[in-house]
Amino acid sequence: MIVLSLVCVACGKKGPPLPPLVKIPVAPSDFVAARRADTVDLHLTVPATNTDSSRPANVARVEVYALTGPATVSEVDVLKQGTKVATIAVKAPRDPNATFDPDDPDQSEADVEPLEGAGLDQGAVARVQEKLPASLAATAGAVRTYVGVGITTKGRRGPPSRRTAVPLAPPPPSPPKPDVSYTETAVTVTWPPGPSMAYNVYEVAESSETQLTKSPVSEPQYTDARMTWGATRCYAVRSVETVDRLTVESEATPPTCVTLTDTFPPAAPKGLQGVATEGVIDLIWDANTETDLDGYILLRGAAPDGELAPLTPAPVRETAFQDRVPGGVRYNYAVKAVDKAGNASEASEPIEEAAR
């Protein structure tokens, strides 16, 4: 009997285990800087993934750096030579290596421990400001460049965001306080124009401003189509000047506030007709199209010259009504539309009819 034996010969020695790959957050995204008078408003999106696409991101904070100089500085220049102007705390993972891959069907975000800390959620929009000293705000010809970078739980930097810059030049003068008026469909904000100026319009709340214009407008007027009856809206305007394709805004005007009150009645109903039968007059009319319509009030008076008085104590929803009256007696009829704010329209064209 022949016995065959196989011998496996190792081709090399087994080395020590490799350290785990360090998780690094991706760069902050959507980084934007806007200069308003002597303040620079900055906002960015906090990293939510790592550079290997795993989640959650190994990020404990985001740092923002600024550098004054020519517009040609790079992101690396800003990080190396710039000044840290803001630190944004971020909720971080307890174990940075305990992540999941969204593209792996066998892994789920539910398997990862909740993030820790009192900072912003990963993926949230962070907003910070830098107050420029007067000497810096009026530095003609220079720009202020900003970069954001995520910092791991061990203090290691991730890749920087794309740089964003604002001009350093005296801001333009503010326009006069705006006037605000409104109709049933829109609010109109107007202000006296300045020489060759563009403008941004803002809605002002207690502690925040929301820019309403997507880009500066050249006409001294803005139309806000958001109509919510009972809402109070406050508007402010800033002049905008462009310096080497970068913009700087003026101080905001004092806000002008208005409470939107529905004082606009519906249109008068049309097409009122009467059909006479035994002891009954059937009234029909065309429906109004207002979205806040509450119903209709029928009016009746003795023909030919009797005063029209309400026939229905409350608005009726239908566009038809039966009036039971003695036969042979002639009456005048009209109908009004009423909205949910209690505004009544003008009366419709009257008709005269008598039951048989």
Protein backbone atom coordinates (compact mmCIF):
# COMPACT_ATOMS: atom_id res chain seq x y z
CA MET A 1 0.00 0.00 0.00
CA ILE A 2 1.35 3.35 -0.93
CA VAL A 3 0.57 6.30 1.36
CA LEU A 4 0.76 9.76 -0.12
CA SER A 5 1.28 12.67 2.17
CA LEU A 6 0.95 16.35 1.26
CA VAL A 7 3.13 18.87 2.99
CA CYS A 8 2.24 22.58 3.00
CA VAL A 9 5.31 24.75 3.13
CA ALA A 10 4.80 28.34 4.31
CA CYS A 11 5.97 30.93 1.82
CA GLY A 12 6.58 33.62 4.41
CA LYS A 13 6.23 34.62 8.03
CA LYS A 14 3.02 36.01 9.50
CA GLY A 15 3.60 39.64 10.54
CA PRO A 16 2.10 41.57 13.46
CA PRO A 17 -1.54 42.71 13.08
CA LEU A 18 -2.01 46.00 11.26
CA PRO A 19 -3.54 48.89 13.23
CA PRO A 20 -7.15 49.71 12.25
CA LEU A 21 -7.60 52.30 9.54
CA VAL A 22 -8.27 55.71 11.13
CA LYS A 23 -11.69 57.06 10.19
CA ILE A 24 -11.48 60.63 8.83
CA PRO A 25 -14.53 62.85 8.19
CA VAL A 26 -15.18 64.24 4.73
CA ALA A 27 -14.83 67.96 4.19
CA PRO A 28 -17.66 70.25 5.37
CA SER A 29 -19.92 71.01 2.40
CA ASP A 30 -22.07 73.92 1.20
CA PHE A 31 -19.66 76.41 2.79
CA VAL A 32 -20.83 79.98 2.09
CA ALA A 33 -19.73 83.37 3.41
CA ALA A 34 -21.80 86.56 3.10
CA ARG A 35 -20.59 89.95 4.24
CA ARG A 36 -23.19 92.26 5.75
CA ALA A 37 -21.67 95.59 6.87
CA ASP A 38 -18.98 94.65 9.42
CA THR A 39 -20.26 91.10 9.99
CA VAL A 40 -19.50 87.98 7.96
CA ASP A 41 -22.21 85.30 8.12
CA LEU A 42 -20.89 81.79 7.49
CA HIS A 43 -22.82 78.58 7.11
CA LEU A 44 -21.78 75.03 6.25
CA THR A 45 -23.06 71.47 6.44
CA VAL A 46 -21.47 69.34 9.18
CA PRO A 47 -19.83 66.11 7.87
CA ALA A 48 -21.99 63.01 8.31
CA THR A 49 -19.74 60.44 6.59
CA ASN A 50 -16.10 59.47 6.54
CA THR A 51 -13.76 59.53 3.57
CA ASP A 52 -14.36 55.76 3.11
CA SER A 53 -18.16 56.43 2.86
CA SER A 54 -18.86 54.84 6.26
CA ARG A 55 -21.18 56.41 8.85
CA PRO A 56 -21.31 58.06 11.32
CA ALA A 57 -18.44 60.45 10.73
CA ASN A 58 -15.53 60.45 13.15
CA VAL A 59 -15.93 64.16 13.86
CA ALA A 60 -16.05 65.91 17.22
CA ARG A 61 -16.00 69.51 15.99
CA VAL A 62 -15.64 71.69 12.92
CA GLU A 63 -13.15 74.55 12.94
CA VAL A 64 -13.36 77.63 10.72
CA TYR A 65 -10.21 79.54 9.72
CA ALA A 66 -9.85 82.94 8.03
CA LEU A 67 -6.97 84.65 6.23
CA THR A 68 -6.77 88.21 4.88
CA GLY A 69 -4.82 88.64 1.67
CA PRO A 70 -5.09 88.19 -2.08
CA ALA A 71 -7.91 86.19 -3.63
CA THR A 72 -5.46 83.55 -4.87
CA VAL A 73 -4.71 81.93 -1.50
CA SER A 74 -5.36 78.18 -1.33
CA GLU A 75 -7.24 76.14 1.26
CA VAL A 76 -3.91 74.92 2.64
CA ASP A 77 -2.67 78.52 2.94
CA VAL A 78 -5.75 79.44 5.00
CA LEU A 79 -5.27 76.48 7.36
CA LYS A 80 -1.53 77.07 7.78
CA GLN A 81 -1.42 80.86 7.98
CA GLY A 82 -4.96 81.83 8.98
CA THR A 83 -6.65 82.45 12.30
CA LYS A 84 -9.24 80.16 13.83
CA VAL A 85 -12.43 82.24 14.05
CA ALA A 86 -15.02 79.65 15.12
CA THR A 87 -15.35 76.19 16.63
CA ILE A 88 -18.56 74.19 16.13
CA ALA A 89 -19.16 71.27 18.50
CA VAL A 90 -20.58 68.13 16.85
CA LYS A 91 -22.17 64.98 18.27
CA ALA A 92 -19.49 62.29 17.97
CA PRO A 93 -19.43 58.46 18.01
CA ARG A 94 -18.35 56.69 21.21
CA ASP A 95 -16.32 54.25 19.09
CA PRO A 96 -15.15 55.87 15.82
CA ASN A 97 -14.56 52.40 14.30
CA ALA A 98 -18.14 51.24 14.97
CA THR A 99 -19.58 52.38 11.63
CA PHE A 100 -21.74 50.98 8.86
CA ASP A 101 -21.53 51.14 5.09
CA PRO A 102 -24.79 52.41 3.50
CA ASP A 103 -24.01 50.33 0.39
CA ASP A 104 -23.74 47.07 2.38
CA PRO A 105 -27.20 45.41 2.63
CA ASP A 106 -26.04 43.41 5.67
CA GLN A 107 -25.33 46.58 7.69
CA SER A 108 -27.79 48.99 9.22
CA GLU A 109 -27.58 52.36 10.92
CA ALA A 110 -29.70 50.86 13.72
CA ASP A 111 -26.72 48.68 14.69
CA VAL A 112 -24.58 51.74 15.53
CA GLU A 113 -24.63 53.31 19.00
CA PRO A 114 -26.20 56.79 19.32
CA LEU A 115 -23.87 59.75 18.99
CA GLU A 116 -22.69 61.57 22.11
CA GLY A 117 -22.25 65.20 23.11
CA ALA A 118 -24.22 68.41 23.16
CA GLY A 119 -23.14 69.67 19.74
CA LEU A 120 -24.92 69.79 16.40
CA ASP A 121 -26.23 66.69 14.68
CA GLN A 122 -24.09 65.32 11.89
CA GLY A 123 -25.46 66.58 8.57
CA ALA A 124 -26.95 69.70 10.19
CA VAL A 125 -26.38 73.23 8.89
CA ALA A 126 -24.09 75.24 11.14
CA ARG A 127 -24.21 79.04 11.21
CA VAL A 128 -21.51 81.25 12.74
CA GLN A 129 -20.44 84.89 12.44
CA GLU A 130 -17.22 86.82 12.46
CA LYS A 131 -17.34 90.46 13.52
CA LEU A 132 -14.79 92.44 11.49
CA PRO A 133 -12.92 95.27 13.23
CA ALA A 134 -13.40 98.66 11.57
CA SER A 135 -9.79 98.75 10.34
CA LEU A 136 -10.20 95.40 8.59
CA ALA A 137 -13.70 96.03 7.22
CA ALA A 138 -12.49 99.03 5.21
CA THR A 139 -9.33 97.43 3.78
CA ALA A 140 -9.71 98.16 0.08
CA GLY A 141 -8.34 95.66 -2.46
CA ALA A 142 -8.02 92.66 -0.11
CA VAL A 143 -10.33 89.74 0.56
CA ARG A 144 -11.05 87.64 3.61
CA THR A 145 -10.95 83.93 2.77
CA TYR A 146 -12.54 81.21 4.93
CA VAL A 147 -12.09 77.43 5.15
CA GLY A 148 -13.84 74.85 7.34
CA VAL A 149 -12.35 71.53 8.46
CA GLY A 150 -13.65 68.57 10.47
CA ILE A 151 -11.62 67.43 13.51
CA THR A 152 -11.72 63.80 14.68
CA THR A 153 -12.27 62.67 18.26
CA LYS A 154 -8.45 62.31 18.52
CA GLY A 155 -7.79 65.82 17.16
CA ARG A 156 -6.82 64.86 13.62
CA ARG A 157 -7.89 67.11 10.74
CA GLY A 158 -9.95 65.86 7.83
CA PRO A 159 -9.80 67.40 4.35
CA PRO A 160 -10.68 71.13 4.19
CA SER A 161 -13.81 72.54 2.66
CA ARG A 162 -13.73 74.62 -0.49
CA ARG A 163 -12.69 78.16 0.33
CA THR A 164 -15.16 81.00 0.32
CA ALA A 165 -14.32 84.72 0.40
CA VAL A 166 -15.76 88.18 1.00
CA PRO A 167 -14.35 91.56 -0.08
CA LEU A 168 -12.76 93.95 2.41
CA ALA A 169 -14.04 97.37 1.38
CA PRO A 170 -16.31 100.01 2.91
CA PRO A 171 -19.94 98.80 2.73
CA PRO A 172 -22.50 100.79 0.71
CA PRO A 173 -25.01 103.10 2.41
CA SER A 174 -28.27 101.62 3.66
CA PRO A 175 -31.48 102.44 1.79
CA PRO A 176 -34.33 104.25 3.59
CA LYS A 177 -36.81 102.26 5.66
CA PRO A 178 -39.16 100.31 3.36
CA ASP A 179 -42.92 100.69 2.97
CA VAL A 180 -45.05 97.53 3.10
CA SER A 181 -48.51 97.06 1.60
CA TYR A 182 -50.52 94.00 0.66
CA THR A 183 -53.43 92.78 -1.39
CA GLU A 184 -55.38 89.54 -1.17
CA THR A 185 -52.63 87.69 -3.04
CA ALA A 186 -49.25 89.25 -2.17
CA VAL A 187 -47.20 91.58 0.03
CA THR A 188 -45.29 94.38 -1.71
CA VAL A 189 -42.15 95.90 -0.18
CA THR A 190 -40.92 99.20 -1.69
CA TRP A 191 -38.22 101.72 -0.83
CA PRO A 192 -36.65 104.84 -2.40
CA PRO A 193 -33.90 103.83 -4.84
CA GLY A 194 -30.23 104.76 -4.50
CA PRO A 195 -27.81 105.56 -7.35
CA SER A 196 -26.90 102.40 -9.30
CA MET A 197 -27.64 100.13 -6.37
CA ALA A 198 -28.80 96.53 -6.06
CA TYR A 199 -30.69 95.24 -3.04
CA ASN A 200 -31.44 92.17 -0.94
CA VAL A 201 -34.67 91.87 1.03
CA TYR A 202 -34.90 90.02 4.35
CA GLU A 203 -37.62 88.77 6.63
CA VAL A 204 -36.66 89.72 10.17
CA ALA A 205 -37.59 87.60 13.19
CA GLU A 206 -36.69 88.13 16.85
CA SER A 207 -33.13 86.84 16.56
CA SER A 208 -32.63 85.98 12.90
CA GLU A 209 -32.87 87.21 9.33
CA THR A 210 -33.95 85.14 6.33
CA GLN A 211 -32.92 86.37 2.90
CA LEU A 212 -35.95 86.41 0.58
CA THR A 213 -34.25 87.52 -2.65
CA LYS A 214 -32.35 84.67 -4.32
CA SER A 215 -29.98 87.25 -5.81
CA PRO A 216 -29.77 91.06 -5.56
CA VAL A 217 -32.55 92.94 -7.35
CA SER A 218 -32.07 96.21 -9.19
CA GLU A 219 -35.64 97.49 -8.84
CA PRO A 220 -36.54 99.05 -5.45
CA GLN A 221 -39.43 96.66 -4.97
CA TYR A 222 -40.03 93.07 -3.84
CA THR A 223 -43.20 90.96 -4.00
CA ASP A 224 -43.77 88.27 -1.37
CA ALA A 225 -46.48 85.83 -2.48
CA ARG A 226 -46.63 83.99 0.87
CA MET A 227 -50.05 84.93 2.22
CA THR A 228 -51.13 83.63 5.64
CA TRP A 229 -53.89 85.65 7.26
CA GLY A 230 -53.08 86.62 10.82
CA ALA A 231 -49.31 86.31 10.32
CA THR A 232 -47.03 89.23 11.22
CA ARG A 233 -44.21 89.87 8.75
CA CYS A 234 -41.25 92.20 9.24
CA TYR A 235 -39.10 93.26 6.28
CA ALA A 236 -35.69 94.91 6.02
CA VAL A 237 -33.57 95.86 3.02
CA ARG A 238 -29.79 95.99 2.45
CA SER A 239 -27.93 97.69 -0.39
CA VAL A 240 -25.51 95.41 -2.26
CA GLU A 241 -22.25 96.40 -3.92
CA THR A 242 -20.08 94.07 -6.02
CA VAL A 243 -16.30 94.30 -5.70
CA ASP A 244 -14.28 92.04 -8.02
CA ARG A 245 -17.25 89.66 -8.34
CA LEU A 246 -17.66 89.47 -4.55
CA THR A 247 -20.51 91.23 -2.77
CA VAL A 248 -20.71 93.34 0.36
CA GLU A 249 -24.01 94.49 1.85
CA SER A 250 -24.93 97.55 3.86
CA GLU A 251 -26.40 97.66 7.32
CA ALA A 252 -30.04 96.61 7.30
CA THR A 253 -32.77 99.20 7.32
CA PRO A 254 -35.02 99.36 10.39
CA PRO A 255 -37.65 96.66 9.82
CA THR A 256 -41.17 97.49 8.72
CA CYS A 257 -43.79 95.11 10.14
CA VAL A 258 -47.33 94.34 9.04
CA THR A 259 -49.99 91.95 10.30
CA LEU A 260 -51.84 90.36 7.38
CA THR A 261 -55.55 90.89 7.99
CA ASP A 262 -58.17 89.62 5.57
CA THR A 263 -60.34 92.62 4.72
CA PHE A 264 -60.94 91.55 1.12
CA PRO A 265 -64.51 90.46 0.30
CA PRO A 266 -65.35 87.80 -2.29
CA ALA A 267 -66.69 88.73 -5.71
CA ALA A 268 -70.43 89.23 -6.06
CA PRO A 269 -72.15 85.97 -7.12
CA LYS A 270 -73.35 85.74 -10.72
CA GLY A 271 -76.07 83.93 -12.61
CA LEU A 272 -78.89 84.21 -10.05
CA GLN A 273 -82.11 82.69 -11.43
CA GLY A 274 -85.52 81.87 -9.98
CA VAL A 275 -87.90 79.08 -10.98
CA ALA A 276 -91.50 79.46 -9.73
CA THR A 277 -93.66 76.46 -8.79
CA GLU A 278 -96.70 75.96 -6.51
CA GLY A 279 -95.93 77.97 -3.35
CA VAL A 280 -92.16 77.73 -3.92
CA ILE A 281 -89.45 79.79 -5.65
CA ASP A 282 -86.30 77.76 -6.42
CA LEU A 283 -83.23 80.01 -6.49
CA ILE A 284 -79.95 78.93 -8.13
CA TRP A 285 -76.69 80.78 -8.93
CA ASP A 286 -73.11 80.17 -10.09
CA ALA A 287 -70.53 79.07 -7.51
CA ASN A 288 -67.79 81.50 -6.43
CA THR A 289 -64.18 80.34 -6.79
CA GLU A 290 -62.52 81.92 -3.71
CA THR A 291 -60.59 79.36 -1.66
CA ASP A 292 -61.66 80.91 1.67
CA LEU A 293 -65.36 81.04 0.82
CA ASP A 294 -67.68 80.29 3.75
CA GLY A 295 -71.04 80.38 1.93
CA TYR A 296 -73.85 82.61 0.70
CA ILE A 297 -76.48 84.89 2.24
CA LEU A 298 -79.83 85.13 0.44
CA LEU A 299 -81.63 88.50 0.41
CA ARG A 300 -85.35 89.09 -0.17
CA GLY A 301 -87.58 92.14 -0.36
CA ALA A 302 -91.12 92.94 -1.46
CA ALA A 303 -91.33 93.94 -5.12
CA PRO A 304 -90.96 96.38 -6.63
CA ASP A 305 -89.12 98.65 -4.16
CA GLY A 306 -88.99 96.81 -0.83
CA GLU A 307 -85.66 96.82 1.02
CA LEU A 308 -83.67 93.61 0.65
CA ALA A 309 -83.10 91.85 3.99
CA PRO A 310 -81.26 88.60 4.86
CA LEU A 311 -83.40 85.54 4.23
CA THR A 312 -80.87 83.06 5.66
CA PRO A 313 -79.55 83.72 9.22
CA ALA A 314 -76.26 81.95 8.48
CA PRO A 315 -74.37 81.34 5.23
CA VAL A 316 -75.60 78.40 3.15
CA ARG A 317 -72.98 76.22 1.49
CA GLU A 318 -74.99 75.16 -1.55
CA THR A 319 -75.66 77.29 -4.64
CA ALA A 320 -79.42 76.64 -4.47
CA PHE A 321 -82.22 77.62 -2.08
CA GLN A 322 -85.98 77.02 -1.88
CA ASP A 323 -88.13 79.90 -0.63
CA ARG A 324 -91.67 78.88 0.33
CA VAL A 325 -93.91 81.91 -0.16
CA PRO A 326 -97.60 82.63 -0.81
CA GLY A 327 -98.56 82.27 -4.44
CA GLY A 328 -98.99 85.40 -6.53
CA VAL A 329 -96.87 87.66 -4.30
CA ARG A 330 -93.87 89.14 -6.11
CA TYR A 331 -90.45 89.37 -4.45
CA ASN A 332 -87.02 90.70 -5.30
CA TYR A 333 -84.04 88.42 -4.60
CA ALA A 334 -80.26 88.84 -4.48
CA VAL A 335 -77.36 86.82 -3.04
CA LYS A 336 -74.06 87.75 -1.36
CA ALA A 337 -70.90 85.63 -0.91
CA VAL A 338 -69.23 85.53 2.51
CA ASP A 339 -65.66 84.39 3.28
CA LYS A 340 -64.32 82.74 6.43
CA ALA A 341 -63.12 86.10 7.78
CA GLY A 342 -66.68 87.41 7.64
CA ASN A 343 -66.19 89.67 4.63
CA ALA A 344 -69.36 89.93 2.51
CA SER A 345 -69.42 90.67 -1.19
CA GLU A 346 -71.58 93.15 -3.01
CA ALA A 347 -75.05 91.83 -3.78
CA SER A 348 -75.63 90.03 -7.03
CA GLU A 349 -77.82 91.44 -9.75
CA PRO A 350 -81.36 91.24 -8.33
CA ILE A 351 -84.22 89.26 -9.87
CA GLU A 352 -87.99 89.48 -9.39
CA GLU A 353 -90.19 86.38 -9.12
CA ALA A 354 -93.54 85.15 -7.73
CA ALA A 355 -94.67 81.65 -6.82
CA ARG A 356 -97.77 80.20 -8.48
